Amino acid sequence: MIEYLWKAVFVFYSQTSTQAEAWESKRLQLILEGKSSSVAPGMRRSATLPKLTPPRT
């Protein structure tokens, strides 16, 4: 699960961003508290609100 969060964090922040670790830690804490059902939709909203799209390959 942690690997997925780290992949997701770099969609929103650069790899050198200090905010990336805080973002990942917050979501991991919510998942460990049993609130994973709110984490995934929140991540989707975070990606769609600024109109992020998947990279083209």
C-alpha atoms as a PDB file:
ATOM      1  CA  MET A   1       0.000   0.000   0.000  1.00  0.00           C
ATOM      2  CA  ILE A   2       2.784   2.405   0.861  1.00  0.00           C
ATOM      3  CA  GLU A   3       4.269   2.024  -2.634  1.00  0.00           C
ATOM      4  CA  TYR A   4       0.967   3.148  -4.152  1.00  0.00           C
ATOM      5  CA  LEU A   5       0.876   6.205  -1.927  1.00  0.00           C
ATOM      6  CA  TRP A   6       4.431   7.152  -2.915  1.00  0.00           C
ATOM      7  CA  LYS A   7       3.569   6.784  -6.598  1.00  0.00           C
ATOM      8  CA  ALA A   8       0.519   8.974  -6.075  1.00  0.00           C
ATOM      9  CA  VAL A   9       2.315  11.657  -4.081  1.00  0.00           C
ATOM     10  CA  PHE A  10       4.658  12.402  -6.968  1.00  0.00           C
ATOM     11  CA  VAL A  11       1.672  13.247  -9.151  1.00  0.00           C
ATOM     12  CA  PHE A  12       1.020  16.196  -6.858  1.00  0.00           C
ATOM     13  CA  TYR A  13       4.522  17.097  -5.669  1.00  0.00           C
ATOM     14  CA  SER A  14       8.060  16.947  -7.026  1.00  0.00           C
ATOM     15  CA  GLN A  15      10.388  14.274  -5.686  1.00  0.00           C
ATOM     16  CA  THR A  16      12.359  16.900  -3.781  1.00  0.00           C
ATOM     17  CA  SER A  17       9.309  18.501  -2.182  1.00  0.00           C
ATOM     18  CA  THR A  18       9.148  18.541   1.588  1.00  0.00           C
ATOM     19  CA  GLN A  19       5.357  18.470   1.323  1.00  0.00           C
ATOM     20  CA  ALA A  20       5.424  15.039  -0.333  1.00  0.00           C
ATOM     21  CA  GLU A  21       6.316  13.220   2.870  1.00  0.00           C
ATOM     22  CA  ALA A  22       3.652  15.050   4.868  1.00  0.00           C
ATOM     23  CA  TRP A  23       1.031  14.241   2.208  1.00  0.00           C
ATOM     24  CA  GLU A  24       1.948  10.551   2.218  1.00  0.00           C
ATOM     25  CA  SER A  25       2.090  10.369   6.018  1.00  0.00           C
ATOM     26  CA  LYS A  26      -1.364  11.904   6.379  1.00  0.00           C
ATOM     27  CA  ARG A  27      -2.962   9.412   3.974  1.00  0.00           C
ATOM     28  CA  LEU A  28      -1.111   6.457   5.500  1.00  0.00           C
ATOM     29  CA  GLN A  29      -2.295   7.481   8.969  1.00  0.00           C
ATOM     30  CA  LEU A  30      -5.895   7.645   7.752  1.00  0.00           C
ATOM     31  CA  ILE A  31      -5.581   4.189   6.191  1.00  0.00           C
ATOM     32  CA  LEU A  32      -4.112   2.740   9.398  1.00  0.00           C
ATOM     33  CA  GLU A  33      -6.998   4.289  11.352  1.00  0.00           C
ATOM     34  CA  GLY A  34      -9.445   2.370   9.146  1.00  0.00           C
ATOM     35  CA  LYS A  35     -10.523   5.379   7.093  1.00  0.00           C
ATOM     36  CA  SER A  36      -9.275   4.114   3.732  1.00  0.00           C
ATOM     37  CA  SER A  37     -12.720   4.567   2.212  1.00  0.00           C
ATOM     38  CA  SER A  38     -12.180   8.329   2.390  1.00  0.00           C
ATOM     39  CA  VAL A  39      -8.564   8.316   1.192  1.00  0.00           C
ATOM     40  CA  ALA A  40      -9.106   6.991  -2.346  1.00  0.00           C
ATOM     41  CA  PRO A  41     -11.979   9.356  -3.224  1.00  0.00           C
ATOM     42  CA  GLY A  42     -10.010  12.265  -1.777  1.00  0.00           C
ATOM     43  CA  MET A  43      -7.041  11.405  -3.962  1.00  0.00           C
ATOM     44  CA  ARG A  44      -9.309  11.196  -7.006  1.00  0.00           C
ATOM     45  CA  ARG A  45     -10.772  14.609  -6.231  1.00  0.00           C
ATOM     46  CA  SER A  46      -7.301  16.048  -5.760  1.00  0.00           C
ATOM     47  CA  ALA A  47      -6.358  14.796  -9.220  1.00  0.00           C
ATOM     48  CA  THR A  48      -9.534  15.852 -11.021  1.00  0.00           C
ATOM     49  CA  LEU A  49     -10.027  19.315  -9.533  1.00  0.00           C
ATOM     50  CA  PRO A  50      -6.817  20.702 -11.097  1.00  0.00           C
ATOM     51  CA  LYS A  51      -7.658  18.596 -14.191  1.00  0.00           C
ATOM     52  CA  LEU A  52      -4.625  16.333 -13.944  1.00  0.00           C
ATOM     53  CA  THR A  53      -4.538  13.667 -16.609  1.00  0.00           C
ATOM     54  CA  PRO A  54      -2.526  10.470 -16.871  1.00  0.00           C
ATOM     55  CA  PRO A  55       0.697  10.725 -18.856  1.00  0.00           C
ATOM     56  CA  ARG A  56       0.479   9.593 -22.447  1.00  0.00           C
ATOM     57  CA  THR A  57       2.668   6.677 -23.383  1.00  0.00           C
END
